[in-house]
PDB file of N, CA and C in Angstrom:
ATOM      1  N   VAL A   1      51.775 -59.740 -87.467  1.00  0.00           N
ATOM      2  CA  VAL A   1      51.010 -59.699 -88.700  1.00  0.00           C
ATOM      3  C   VAL A   1      51.834 -60.280 -89.844  1.00  0.00           C
ATOM      4  N   GLN A   2      53.092 -59.877 -89.925  1.00  0.00           N
ATOM      5  CA  GLN A   2      53.938 -60.364 -91.010  1.00  0.00           C
ATOM      6  C   GLN A   2      54.053 -61.884 -90.980  1.00  0.00           C
ATOM      7  N   CYS A   3      54.098 -62.451 -89.803  1.00  0.00           N
ATOM      8  CA  CYS A   3      54.188 -63.904 -89.652  1.00  0.00           C
ATOM      9  C   CYS A   3      52.973 -64.573 -90.299  1.00  0.00           C
ATOM     10  N   SER A   4      51.787 -64.027 -90.066  1.00  0.00           N
ATOM     11  CA  SER A   4      50.570 -64.587 -90.650  1.00  0.00           C
ATOM     12  C   SER A   4      50.579 -64.471 -92.173  1.00  0.00           C
ATOM     13  N   ILE A   5      51.039 -63.337 -92.669  1.00  0.00           N
ATOM     14  CA  ILE A   5      51.126 -63.146 -94.124  1.00  0.00           C
ATOM     15  C   ILE A   5      52.100 -64.155 -94.725  1.00  0.00           C
ATOM     16  N   ASP A   6      53.268 -64.303 -94.090  1.00  0.00           N
ATOM     17  CA  ASP A   6      54.255 -65.263 -94.591  1.00  0.00           C
ATOM     18  C   ASP A   6      53.721 -66.688 -94.540  1.00  0.00           C
ATOM     19  N   ALA A   7      52.979 -67.027 -93.515  1.00  0.00           N
ATOM     20  CA  ALA A   7      52.427 -68.378 -93.393  1.00  0.00           C
ATOM     21  C   ALA A   7      51.496 -68.695 -94.562  1.00  0.00           C
ATOM     22  N   CYS A   8      50.789 -67.692 -95.045  1.00  0.00           N
ATOM     23  CA  CYS A   8      49.841 -67.907 -96.139  1.00  0.00           C
ATOM     24  C   CYS A   8      50.480 -67.787 -97.525  1.00  0.00           C
ATOM     25  N   PHE A   9      51.449 -66.886 -97.658  1.00  0.00           N
ATOM     26  CA  PHE A   9      51.936 -66.550 -98.989  1.00  0.00           C
ATOM     27  C   PHE A   9      53.406 -66.846 -99.268  1.00  0.00           C
ATOM     28  N   SER A  10      54.186 -67.151 -98.224  1.00  0.00           N
ATOM     29  CA  SER A  10      55.606 -67.390 -98.445  1.00  0.00           C
ATOM     30  C   SER A  10      56.116 -68.461 -97.486  1.00  0.00           C
ATOM     31  N   ALA A  11      56.026 -69.698 -97.912  1.00  0.00           N
ATOM     32  CA  ALA A  11      56.456 -70.811 -97.069  1.00  0.00           C
ATOM     33  C   ALA A  11      57.932 -70.695 -96.703  1.00  0.00           C
ATOM     34  N   GLU A  12      58.746 -70.165 -97.608  1.00  0.00           N
ATOM     35  CA  GLU A  12      60.186 -70.008 -97.333  1.00  0.00           C
ATOM     36  C   GLU A  12      60.431 -69.048 -96.177  1.00  0.00           C
ATOM     37  N   LYS A  13      59.804 -67.877 -96.230  1.00  0.00           N
ATOM     38  CA  LYS A  13      59.985 -66.881 -95.159  1.00  0.00           C
ATOM     39  C   LYS A  13      59.446 -67.411 -93.835  1.00  0.00           C
ATOM     40  N   PHE A  14      58.307 -68.078 -93.889  1.00  0.00           N
ATOM     41  CA  PHE A  14      57.715 -68.613 -92.672  1.00  0.00           C
ATOM     42  C   PHE A  14      58.624 -69.680 -92.054  1.00  0.00           C
ATOM     43  N   ALA A  15      59.180 -70.549 -92.865  1.00  0.00           N
ATOM     44  CA  ALA A  15      60.068 -71.605 -92.387  1.00  0.00           C
ATOM     45  C   ALA A  15      61.363 -71.057 -91.811  1.00  0.00           C
ATOM     46  N   ALA A  16      61.786 -69.875 -92.268  1.00  0.00           N
ATOM     47  CA  ALA A  16      63.027 -69.271 -91.797  1.00  0.00           C
ATOM     48  C   ALA A  16      62.880 -68.598 -90.434  1.00  0.00           C
ATOM     49  N   MET A  17      61.657 -68.430 -89.955  1.00  0.00           N
ATOM     50  CA  MET A  17      61.440 -67.765 -88.658  1.00  0.00           C
ATOM     51  C   MET A  17      61.850 -68.693 -87.526  1.00  0.00           C
ATOM     52  N   PRO A  18      62.458 -68.144 -86.456  1.00  0.00           N
ATOM     53  CA  PRO A  18      62.819 -68.996 -85.313  1.00  0.00           C
ATOM     54  C   PRO A  18      61.561 -69.523 -84.627  1.00  0.00           C
ATOM     55  N   GLU A  19      61.654 -70.718 -84.060  1.00  0.00           N
ATOM     56  CA  GLU A  19      60.501 -71.303 -83.382  1.00  0.00           C
ATOM     57  C   GLU A  19      60.171 -70.560 -82.090  1.00  0.00           C
ATOM     58  N   LEU A  20      61.190 -70.059 -81.431  1.00  0.00           N
ATOM     59  CA  LEU A  20      61.018 -69.322 -80.186  1.00  0.00           C
ATOM     60  C   LEU A  20      61.771 -68.007 -80.296  1.00  0.00           C
ATOM     61  N   PRO A  21      61.398 -67.011 -79.502  1.00  0.00           N
ATOM     62  CA  PRO A  21      62.207 -65.785 -79.507  1.00  0.00           C
ATOM     63  C   PRO A  21      63.672 -66.113 -79.199  1.00  0.00           C
ATOM     64  N   VAL A  22      64.566 -65.396 -79.815  1.00  0.00           N
ATOM     65  CA  VAL A  22      65.997 -65.644 -79.639  1.00  0.00           C
ATOM     66  C   VAL A  22      66.427 -65.370 -78.204  1.00  0.00           C
ATOM     67  N   ALA A  23      65.934 -64.293 -77.630  1.00  0.00           N
ATOM     68  CA  ALA A  23      66.294 -63.944 -76.255  1.00  0.00           C
ATOM     69  C   ALA A  23      65.109 -63.257 -75.578  1.00  0.00           C
ATOM     70  N   ARG A  24      64.924 -63.547 -74.313  1.00  0.00           N
ATOM     71  CA  ARG A  24      63.863 -62.884 -73.546  1.00  0.00           C
ATOM     72  C   ARG A  24      64.317 -61.470 -73.217  1.00  0.00           C
ATOM     73  N   LYS A  25      63.476 -60.514 -73.514  1.00  0.00           N
ATOM     74  CA  LYS A  25      63.804 -59.118 -73.223  1.00  0.00           C
ATOM     75  C   LYS A  25      63.242 -58.671 -71.877  1.00  0.00           C
ATOM     76  N   ALA A  26      62.119 -59.291 -71.479  1.00  0.00           N
ATOM     77  CA  ALA A  26      61.501 -58.908 -70.217  1.00  0.00           C
ATOM     78  C   ALA A  26      60.521 -59.995 -69.787  1.00  0.00           C
ATOM     79  N   TYR A  27      60.079 -59.889 -68.547  1.00  0.00           N
ATOM     80  CA  TYR A  27      59.080 -60.782 -67.981  1.00  0.00           C
ATOM     81  C   TYR A  27      57.821 -59.955 -67.761  1.00  0.00           C
ATOM     82  N   GLY A  28      56.680 -60.583 -67.856  1.00  0.00           N
ATOM     83  CA  GLY A  28      55.439 -59.843 -67.678  1.00  0.00           C
ATOM     84  C   GLY A  28      54.410 -60.637 -66.907  1.00  0.00           C
ATOM     85  N   ARG A  29      53.512 -59.906 -66.295  1.00  0.00           N
ATOM     86  CA  ARG A  29      52.381 -60.518 -65.586  1.00  0.00           C
ATOM     87  C   ARG A  29      51.170 -59.615 -65.759  1.00  0.00           C
ATOM     88  N   LEU A  30      50.024 -60.253 -65.848  1.00  0.00           N
ATOM     89  CA  LEU A  30      48.739 -59.571 -65.867  1.00  0.00           C
ATOM     90  C   LEU A  30      48.048 -59.947 -64.569  1.00  0.00           C
ATOM     91  N   LEU A  31      47.740 -58.957 -63.765  1.00  0.00           N
ATOM     92  CA  LEU A  31      47.200 -59.214 -62.436  1.00  0.00           C
ATOM     93  C   LEU A  31      45.749 -58.748 -62.381  1.00  0.00           C
ATOM     94  N   PHE A  32      44.855 -59.656 -62.058  1.00  0.00           N
ATOM     95  CA  PHE A  32      43.444 -59.331 -61.917  1.00  0.00           C
ATOM     96  C   PHE A  32      43.190 -58.978 -60.451  1.00  0.00           C
ATOM     97  N   LEU A  33      42.725 -57.764 -60.188  1.00  0.00           N
ATOM     98  CA  LEU A  33      42.540 -57.290 -58.820  1.00  0.00           C
ATOM     99  C   LEU A  33      41.326 -57.941 -58.162  1.00  0.00           C
ATOM    100  N   ILE A  34      41.547 -58.403 -56.953  1.00  0.00           N
ATOM    101  CA  ILE A  34      40.516 -59.112 -56.198  1.00  0.00           C
ATOM    102  C   ILE A  34      39.948 -58.198 -55.119  1.00  0.00           C
ATOM    103  N   LEU A  35      38.620 -58.238 -54.974  1.00  0.00           N
ATOM    104  CA  LEU A  35      37.950 -57.554 -53.869  1.00  0.00           C
ATOM    105  C   LEU A  35      37.569 -58.600 -52.829  1.00  0.00           C
ATOM    106  N   TYR A  36      37.888 -58.319 -51.575  1.00  0.00           N
ATOM    107  CA  TYR A  36      37.591 -59.260 -50.506  1.00  0.00           C
ATOM    108  C   TYR A  36      36.289 -58.937 -49.790  1.00  0.00           C
ATOM    109  N   GLN A  37      35.592 -57.884 -50.228  1.00  0.00           N
ATOM    110  CA  GLN A  37      34.298 -57.555 -49.634  1.00  0.00           C
ATOM    111  C   GLN A  37      33.436 -56.841 -50.663  1.00  0.00           C
ATOM    112  N   SER A  38      32.146 -56.837 -50.410  1.00  0.00           N
ATOM    113  CA  SER A  38      31.185 -56.118 -51.240  1.00  0.00           C
ATOM    114  C   SER A  38      30.847 -54.805 -50.557  1.00  0.00           C
ATOM    115  N   GLY A  39      30.327 -53.854 -51.318  1.00  0.00           N
ATOM    116  CA  GLY A  39      29.905 -52.590 -50.731  1.00  0.00           C
ATOM    117  C   GLY A  39      29.829 -51.487 -51.764  1.00  0.00           C
ATOM    118  N   VAL A  40      29.617 -50.271 -51.257  1.00  0.00           N
ATOM    119  CA  VAL A  40      29.560 -49.086 -52.106  1.00  0.00           C
ATOM    120  C   VAL A  40      30.892 -48.354 -51.978  1.00  0.00           C
ATOM    121  N   VAL A  41      31.505 -48.045 -53.118  1.00  0.00           N
ATOM    122  CA  VAL A  41      32.822 -47.399 -53.123  1.00  0.00           C
ATOM    123  C   VAL A  41      32.677 -45.954 -52.646  1.00  0.00           C
ATOM    124  N   GLU A  42      33.347 -45.646 -51.538  1.00  0.00           N
ATOM    125  CA  GLU A  42      33.384 -44.265 -51.051  1.00  0.00           C
ATOM    126  C   GLU A  42      34.545 -43.520 -51.703  1.00  0.00           C
ATOM    127  N   ASP A  43      35.677 -44.197 -51.758  1.00  0.00           N
ATOM    128  CA  ASP A  43      36.883 -43.585 -52.331  1.00  0.00           C
ATOM    129  C   ASP A  43      37.930 -44.685 -52.538  1.00  0.00           C
ATOM    130  N   PHE A  44      39.056 -44.286 -53.090  1.00  0.00           N
ATOM    131  CA  PHE A  44      40.180 -45.190 -53.284  1.00  0.00           C
ATOM    132  C   PHE A  44      41.324 -44.740 -52.388  1.00  0.00           C
ATOM    133  N   ASP A  45      42.115 -45.668 -51.937  1.00  0.00           N
ATOM    134  CA  ASP A  45      43.293 -45.325 -51.149  1.00  0.00           C
ATOM    135  C   ASP A  45      44.357 -44.836 -52.128  1.00  0.00           C
ATOM    136  N   VAL A  46      44.439 -43.513 -52.282  1.00  0.00           N
ATOM    137  CA  VAL A  46      45.324 -42.935 -53.297  1.00  0.00           C
ATOM    138  C   VAL A  46      46.796 -43.216 -53.004  1.00  0.00           C
ATOM    139  N   GLU A  47      47.152 -43.368 -51.737  1.00  0.00           N
ATOM    140  CA  GLU A  47      48.545 -43.685 -51.398  1.00  0.00           C
ATOM    141  C   GLU A  47      48.923 -45.084 -51.880  1.00  0.00           C
ATOM    142  N   LEU A  48      48.024 -46.049 -51.690  1.00  0.00           N
ATOM    143  CA  LEU A  48      48.310 -47.411 -52.141  1.00  0.00           C
ATOM    144  C   LEU A  48      48.319 -47.492 -53.669  1.00  0.00           C
ATOM    145  N   LEU A  49      47.398 -46.781 -54.319  1.00  0.00           N
ATOM    146  CA  LEU A  49      47.382 -46.790 -55.784  1.00  0.00           C
ATOM    147  C   LEU A  49      48.623 -46.095 -56.342  1.00  0.00           C
ATOM    148  N   ALA A  50      49.073 -45.030 -55.678  1.00  0.00           N
ATOM    149  CA  ALA A  50      50.308 -44.346 -56.109  1.00  0.00           C
ATOM    150  C   ALA A  50      51.512 -45.260 -55.926  1.00  0.00           C
ATOM    151  N   GLU A  51      51.513 -46.036 -54.850  1.00  0.00           N
ATOM    152  CA  GLU A  51      52.605 -46.990 -54.639  1.00  0.00           C
ATOM    153  C   GLU A  51      52.680 -47.982 -55.807  1.00  0.00           C
ATOM    154  N   ILE A  52      51.517 -48.469 -56.235  1.00  0.00           N
ATOM    155  CA  ILE A  52      51.480 -49.401 -57.370  1.00  0.00           C
ATOM    156  C   ILE A  52      51.999 -48.711 -58.629  1.00  0.00           C
ATOM    157  N   GLU A  53      51.517 -47.512 -58.897  1.00  0.00           N
ATOM    158  CA  GLU A  53      51.908 -46.790 -60.110  1.00  0.00           C
ATOM    159  C   GLU A  53      53.399 -46.451 -60.137  1.00  0.00           C
ATOM    160  N   ASN A  54      54.032 -46.393 -58.978  1.00  0.00           N
ATOM    161  CA  ASN A  54      55.460 -46.070 -58.906  1.00  0.00           C
ATOM    162  C   ASN A  54      56.360 -47.297 -58.847  1.00  0.00           C
ATOM    163  N   MET A  55      55.780 -48.468 -58.936  1.00  0.00           N
ATOM    164  CA  MET A  55      56.592 -49.692 -58.927  1.00  0.00           C
ATOM    165  C   MET A  55      57.408 -49.779 -60.214  1.00  0.00           C
ATOM    166  N   PRO A  56      58.621 -50.315 -60.140  1.00  0.00           N
ATOM    167  CA  PRO A  56      59.469 -50.427 -61.330  1.00  0.00           C
ATOM    168  C   PRO A  56      58.839 -51.239 -62.459  1.00  0.00           C
ATOM    169  N   SER A  57      57.975 -52.194 -62.133  1.00  0.00           N
ATOM    170  CA  SER A  57      57.379 -53.071 -63.144  1.00  0.00           C
ATOM    171  C   SER A  57      56.059 -52.541 -63.701  1.00  0.00           C
ATOM    172  N   PHE A  58      55.534 -51.482 -63.118  1.00  0.00           N
ATOM    173  CA  PHE A  58      54.204 -50.988 -63.501  1.00  0.00           C
ATOM    174  C   PHE A  58      54.166 -50.509 -64.951  1.00  0.00           C
ATOM    175  N   VAL A  59      53.130 -50.953 -65.679  1.00  0.00           N
ATOM    176  CA  VAL A  59      52.882 -50.486 -67.039  1.00  0.00           C
ATOM    177  C   VAL A  59      51.557 -49.741 -67.107  1.00  0.00           C
ATOM    178  N   SER A  60      50.488 -50.376 -66.620  1.00  0.00           N
ATOM    179  CA  SER A  60      49.181 -49.723 -66.665  1.00  0.00           C
ATOM    180  C   SER A  60      48.231 -50.371 -65.661  1.00  0.00           C
ATOM    181  N   MET A  61      47.155 -49.624 -65.366  1.00  0.00           N
ATOM    182  CA  MET A  61      46.147 -50.107 -64.434  1.00  0.00           C
ATOM    183  C   MET A  61      44.777 -49.640 -64.914  1.00  0.00           C
ATOM    184  N   GLU A  62      43.816 -50.551 -64.872  1.00  0.00           N
ATOM    185  CA  GLU A  62      42.425 -50.223 -65.145  1.00  0.00           C
ATOM    186  C   GLU A  62      41.617 -50.643 -63.934  1.00  0.00           C
ATOM    187  N   LEU A  63      40.922 -49.691 -63.326  1.00  0.00           N
ATOM    188  CA  LEU A  63      40.012 -50.006 -62.229  1.00  0.00           C
ATOM    189  C   LEU A  63      38.595 -49.955 -62.777  1.00  0.00           C
ATOM    190  N   PHE A  64      37.804 -50.976 -62.502  1.00  0.00           N
ATOM    191  CA  PHE A  64      36.456 -51.042 -63.040  1.00  0.00           C
ATOM    192  C   PHE A  64      35.424 -50.375 -62.134  1.00  0.00           C
ATOM    193  N   ALA A  65      35.777 -50.128 -60.895  1.00  0.00           N
ATOM    194  CA  ALA A  65      34.866 -49.490 -59.948  1.00  0.00           C
ATOM    195  C   ALA A  65      35.007 -47.970 -60.015  1.00  0.00           C
ATOM    196  N   THR A  66      33.931 -47.279 -59.677  1.00  0.00           N
ATOM    197  CA  THR A  66      33.954 -45.817 -59.590  1.00  0.00           C
ATOM    198  C   THR A  66      33.348 -45.396 -58.257  1.00  0.00           C
ATOM    199  N   LYS A  67      33.652 -44.190 -57.825  1.00  0.00           N
ATOM    200  CA  LYS A  67      33.087 -43.681 -56.578  1.00  0.00           C
ATOM    201  C   LYS A  67      31.562 -43.732 -56.652  1.00  0.00           C
ATOM    202  N   GLY A  68      30.957 -44.237 -55.585  1.00  0.00           N
ATOM    203  CA  GLY A  68      29.506 -44.337 -55.515  1.00  0.00           C
ATOM    204  C   GLY A  68      28.941 -45.619 -56.098  1.00  0.00           C
ATOM    205  N   ALA A  69      29.768 -46.402 -56.750  1.00  0.00           N
ATOM    206  CA  ALA A  69      29.294 -47.643 -57.366  1.00  0.00           C
ATOM    207  C   ALA A  69      29.225 -48.770 -56.343  1.00  0.00           C
ATOM    208  N   ALA A  70      28.242 -49.623 -56.520  1.00  0.00           N
ATOM    209  CA  ALA A  70      28.153 -50.829 -55.705  1.00  0.00           C
ATOM    210  C   ALA A  70      29.020 -51.892 -56.368  1.00  0.00           C
ATOM    211  N   VAL A  71      29.890 -52.520 -55.583  1.00  0.00           N
ATOM    212  CA  VAL A  71      30.764 -53.575 -56.100  1.00  0.00           C
ATOM    213  C   VAL A  71      30.560 -54.846 -55.277  1.00  0.00           C
ATOM    214  N   ARG A  72      30.798 -55.966 -55.932  1.00  0.00           N
ATOM    215  CA  ARG A  72      30.659 -57.249 -55.249  1.00  0.00           C
ATOM    216  C   ARG A  72      32.020 -57.847 -54.960  1.00  0.00           C
ATOM    217  N   LYS A  73      32.067 -58.620 -53.906  1.00  0.00           N
ATOM    218  CA  LYS A  73      33.260 -59.395 -53.575  1.00  0.00           C
ATOM    219  C   LYS A  73      33.605 -60.268 -54.779  1.00  0.00           C
ATOM    220  N   THR A  74      34.896 -60.419 -55.073  1.00  0.00           N
ATOM    221  CA  THR A  74      35.332 -61.240 -56.187  1.00  0.00           C
ATOM    222  C   THR A  74      35.051 -62.712 -55.886  1.00  0.00           C
ATOM    223  N   VAL A  75      34.266 -63.334 -56.777  1.00  0.00           N
ATOM    224  CA  VAL A  75      33.928 -64.748 -56.613  1.00  0.00           C
ATOM    225  C   VAL A  75      34.238 -65.552 -57.883  1.00  0.00           C
ATOM    226  N   ASP A  76      34.488 -64.857 -58.993  1.00  0.00           N
ATOM    227  CA  ASP A  76      34.776 -65.553 -60.249  1.00  0.00           C
ATOM    228  C   ASP A  76      35.486 -64.589 -61.204  1.00  0.00           C
ATOM    229  N   CYS A  77      35.655 -65.012 -62.441  1.00  0.00           N
ATOM    230  CA  CYS A  77      36.402 -64.190 -63.407  1.00  0.00           C
ATOM    231  C   CYS A  77      35.609 -62.988 -63.898  1.00  0.00           C
ATOM    232  N   PHE A  78      34.361 -62.841 -63.477  1.00  0.00           N
ATOM    233  CA  PHE A  78      33.550 -61.706 -63.909  1.00  0.00           C
ATOM    234  C   PHE A  78      33.422 -60.637 -62.832  1.00  0.00           C
ATOM    235  N   THR A  79      33.944 -60.891 -61.644  1.00  0.00           N
ATOM    236  CA  THR A  79      33.762 -59.943 -60.544  1.00  0.00           C
ATOM    237  C   THR A  79      35.079 -59.381 -60.003  1.00  0.00           C
ATOM    238  N   PHE A  80      36.137 -59.424 -60.804  1.00  0.00           N
ATOM    239  CA  PHE A  80      37.386 -58.806 -60.344  1.00  0.00           C
ATOM    240  C   PHE A  80      37.274 -57.289 -60.506  1.00  0.00           C
ATOM    241  N   ALA A  81      38.100 -56.557 -59.771  1.00  0.00           N
ATOM    242  CA  ALA A  81      37.958 -55.103 -59.653  1.00  0.00           C
ATOM    243  C   ALA A  81      38.767 -54.306 -60.657  1.00  0.00           C
ATOM    244  N   GLY A  82      39.656 -54.965 -61.366  1.00  0.00           N
ATOM    245  CA  GLY A  82      40.492 -54.243 -62.326  1.00  0.00           C
ATOM    246  C   GLY A  82      41.656 -55.112 -62.770  1.00  0.00           C
ATOM    247  N   VAL A  83      42.502 -54.500 -63.588  1.00  0.00           N
ATOM    248  CA  VAL A  83      43.639 -55.212 -64.158  1.00  0.00           C
ATOM    249  C   VAL A  83      44.883 -54.344 -64.045  1.00  0.00           C
ATOM    250  N   ILE A  84      45.998 -54.959 -63.680  1.00  0.00           N
ATOM    251  CA  ILE A  84      47.288 -54.275 -63.646  1.00  0.00           C
ATOM    252  C   ILE A  84      48.246 -55.051 -64.530  1.00  0.00           C
ATOM    253  N   ARG A  85      48.955 -54.325 -65.383  1.00  0.00           N
ATOM    254  CA  ARG A  85      49.955 -54.936 -66.256  1.00  0.00           C
ATOM    255  C   ARG A  85      51.343 -54.602 -65.721  1.00  0.00           C
ATOM    256  N   LEU A  86      52.161 -55.631 -65.568  1.00  0.00           N
ATOM    257  CA  LEU A  86      53.519 -55.467 -65.070  1.00  0.00           C
ATOM    258  C   LEU A  86      54.505 -56.042 -66.080  1.00  0.00           C
ATOM    259  N   VAL A  87      55.611 -55.339 -66.298  1.00  0.00           N
ATOM    260  CA  VAL A  87      56.691 -55.818 -67.160  1.00  0.00           C
ATOM    261  C   VAL A  87      58.004 -55.347 -66.552  1.00  0.00           C
ATOM    262  N   ASN A  88      59.005 -56.260 -66.523  1.00  0.00           N
ATOM    263  CA  ASN A  88      60.309 -55.877 -65.997  1.00  0.00           C
ATOM    264  C   ASN A  88      61.357 -56.845 -66.549  1.00  0.00           C
ATOM    265  N   SER A  89      62.507 -56.335 -66.880  1.00  0.00           N
ATOM    266  CA  SER A  89      63.595 -57.202 -67.345  1.00  0.00           C
ATOM    267  C   SER A  89      64.198 -58.005 -66.195  1.00  0.00           C
ATOM    268  N   ASP A  90      63.962 -57.565 -64.970  1.00  0.00           N
ATOM    269  CA  ASP A  90      64.440 -58.254 -63.769  1.00  0.00           C
ATOM    270  C   ASP A  90      63.285 -59.079 -63.188  1.00  0.00           C
ATOM    271  N   GLN A  91      63.356 -60.392 -63.324  1.00  0.00           N
ATOM    272  CA  GLN A  91      62.269 -61.250 -62.880  1.00  0.00           C
ATOM    273  C   GLN A  91      62.018 -61.139 -61.379  1.00  0.00           C
ATOM    274  N   GLU A  92      63.068 -61.012 -60.583  1.00  0.00           N
ATOM    275  CA  GLU A  92      62.887 -60.890 -59.137  1.00  0.00           C
ATOM    276  C   GLU A  92      62.143 -59.610 -58.771  1.00  0.00           C
ATOM    277  N   ALA A  93      62.449 -58.515 -59.445  1.00  0.00           N
ATOM    278  CA  ALA A  93      61.749 -57.253 -59.197  1.00  0.00           C
ATOM    279  C   ALA A  93      60.277 -57.380 -59.582  1.00  0.00           C
ATOM    280  N   LEU A  94      60.020 -58.053 -60.679  1.00  0.00           N
ATOM    281  CA  LEU A  94      58.642 -58.272 -61.118  1.00  0.00           C
ATOM    282  C   LEU A  94      57.863 -59.043 -60.062  1.00  0.00           C
ATOM    283  N   VAL A  95      58.451 -60.101 -59.541  1.00  0.00           N
ATOM    284  CA  VAL A  95      57.786 -60.924 -58.528  1.00  0.00           C
ATOM    285  C   VAL A  95      57.560 -60.119 -57.250  1.00  0.00           C
ATOM    286  N   ARG A  96      58.526 -59.304 -56.861  1.00  0.00           N
ATOM    287  CA  ARG A  96      58.349 -58.448 -55.668  1.00  0.00           C
ATOM    288  C   ARG A  96      57.157 -57.517 -55.848  1.00  0.00           C
ATOM    289  N   ASP A  97      57.065 -56.864 -57.008  1.00  0.00           N
ATOM    290  CA  ASP A  97      55.950 -55.952 -57.270  1.00  0.00           C
ATOM    291  C   ASP A  97      54.624 -56.710 -57.269  1.00  0.00           C
ATOM    292  N   TYR A  98      54.609 -57.856 -57.918  1.00  0.00           N
ATOM    293  CA  TYR A  98      53.406 -58.695 -57.998  1.00  0.00           C
ATOM    294  C   TYR A  98      52.938 -59.091 -56.592  1.00  0.00           C
ATOM    295  N   ASP A  99      53.862 -59.559 -55.773  1.00  0.00           N
ATOM    296  CA  ASP A  99      53.524 -59.971 -54.410  1.00  0.00           C
ATOM    297  C   ASP A  99      53.036 -58.793 -53.576  1.00  0.00           C
ATOM    298  N   ARG A 100      53.653 -57.634 -53.750  1.00  0.00           N
ATOM    299  CA  ARG A 100      53.234 -56.448 -52.991  1.00  0.00           C
ATOM    300  C   ARG A 100      51.815 -56.035 -53.388  1.00  0.00           C
ATOM    301  N   ILE A 101      51.483 -56.136 -54.663  1.00  0.00           N
ATOM    302  CA  ILE A 101      50.128 -55.786 -55.088  1.00  0.00           C
ATOM    303  C   ILE A 101      49.119 -56.734 -54.452  1.00  0.00           C
ATOM    304  N   HIS A 102      49.450 -58.001 -54.343  1.00  0.00           N
ATOM    305  CA  HIS A 102      48.542 -58.932 -53.659  1.00  0.00           C
ATOM    306  C   HIS A 102      48.382 -58.549 -52.188  1.00  0.00           C
ATOM    307  N   ALA A 103      49.435 -58.082 -51.553  1.00  0.00           N
ATOM    308  CA  ALA A 103      49.332 -57.612 -50.165  1.00  0.00           C
ATOM    309  C   ALA A 103      48.432 -56.377 -50.096  1.00  0.00           C
ATOM    310  N   ILE A 104      48.555 -55.490 -51.074  1.00  0.00           N
ATOM    311  CA  ILE A 104      47.715 -54.280 -51.118  1.00  0.00           C
ATOM    312  C   ILE A 104      46.248 -54.664 -51.292  1.00  0.00           C
ATOM    313  N   GLU A 105      45.977 -55.696 -52.070  1.00  0.00           N
ATOM    314  CA  GLU A 105      44.591 -56.173 -52.204  1.00  0.00           C
ATOM    315  C   GLU A 105      44.028 -56.562 -50.851  1.00  0.00           C
ATOM    316  N   GLU A 106      44.837 -57.254 -50.051  1.00  0.00           N
ATOM    317  CA  GLU A 106      44.374 -57.701 -48.737  1.00  0.00           C
ATOM    318  C   GLU A 106      44.195 -56.531 -47.779  1.00  0.00           C
ATOM    319  N   ILE A 107      45.070 -55.522 -47.885  1.00  0.00           N
ATOM    320  CA  ILE A 107      44.922 -54.315 -47.061  1.00  0.00           C
ATOM    321  C   ILE A 107      43.629 -53.606 -47.442  1.00  0.00           C
ATOM    322  N   GLY A 108      43.380 -53.514 -48.737  1.00  0.00           N
ATOM    323  CA  GLY A 108      42.177 -52.857 -49.242  1.00  0.00           C
ATOM    324  C   GLY A 108      42.504 -51.536 -49.894  1.00  0.00           C
ATOM    325  N   PHE A 109      42.473 -51.506 -51.200  1.00  0.00           N
ATOM    326  CA  PHE A 109      42.756 -50.262 -51.946  1.00  0.00           C
ATOM    327  C   PHE A 109      41.483 -49.457 -52.194  1.00  0.00           C
ATOM    328  N   ILE A 110      40.333 -50.014 -51.811  1.00  0.00           N
ATOM    329  CA  ILE A 110      39.058 -49.310 -51.923  1.00  0.00           C
ATOM    330  C   ILE A 110      38.527 -49.046 -50.521  1.00  0.00           C
ATOM    331  N   LYS A 111      38.046 -47.826 -50.308  1.00  0.00           N
ATOM    332  CA  LYS A 111      37.397 -47.469 -49.043  1.00  0.00           C
ATOM    333  C   LYS A 111      35.884 -47.546 -49.274  1.00  0.00           C
ATOM    334  N   PHE A 112      35.213 -48.287 -48.406  1.00  0.00           N
ATOM    335  CA  PHE A 112      33.771 -48.484 -48.556  1.00  0.00           C
ATOM    336  C   PHE A 112      32.990 -47.593 -47.609  1.00  0.00           C
ATOM    337  N   GLU A 113      31.756 -47.267 -48.017  1.00  0.00           N
ATOM    338  CA  GLU A 113      30.860 -46.458 -47.160  1.00  0.00           C
ATOM    339  C   GLU A 113      30.474 -47.239 -45.935  1.00  0.00           C
TER     340      GLU A 113
END
C-alpha cells in the first residue's frame, strides 16, 4: 500500500525503492487440486489430507467439495477441487511437498460412492 501512495504523492520515496526484493526469504507455490474422476463424494481420505497438512511447506488448504456433493472430473480452471498454499525457505523441500501432493491427487484424496 505504501508503495502505491508513494508512487502518487512522493516521487522521491518511490524512486528510492529497490526494483526487486533485496533477498528471497522463501519460495511459494499455489497448487490447484485436480480430480481425475467424477462422482458423489462419500468421504475424504483423512490420512492423505493429514499428510498434506503436516508437510513442512504447508500453509493452508481449501477443499471445494463436501460430503454428499456431486463433483466433476477436472477439465478446466473452473472444475478444480481445491487450493493448497505452500511456502518454504528450502526450495528442494517445497518441490518435494509439491510433487507428493500431485502423487496424492493420482492416488485419490476423495472417496466416491
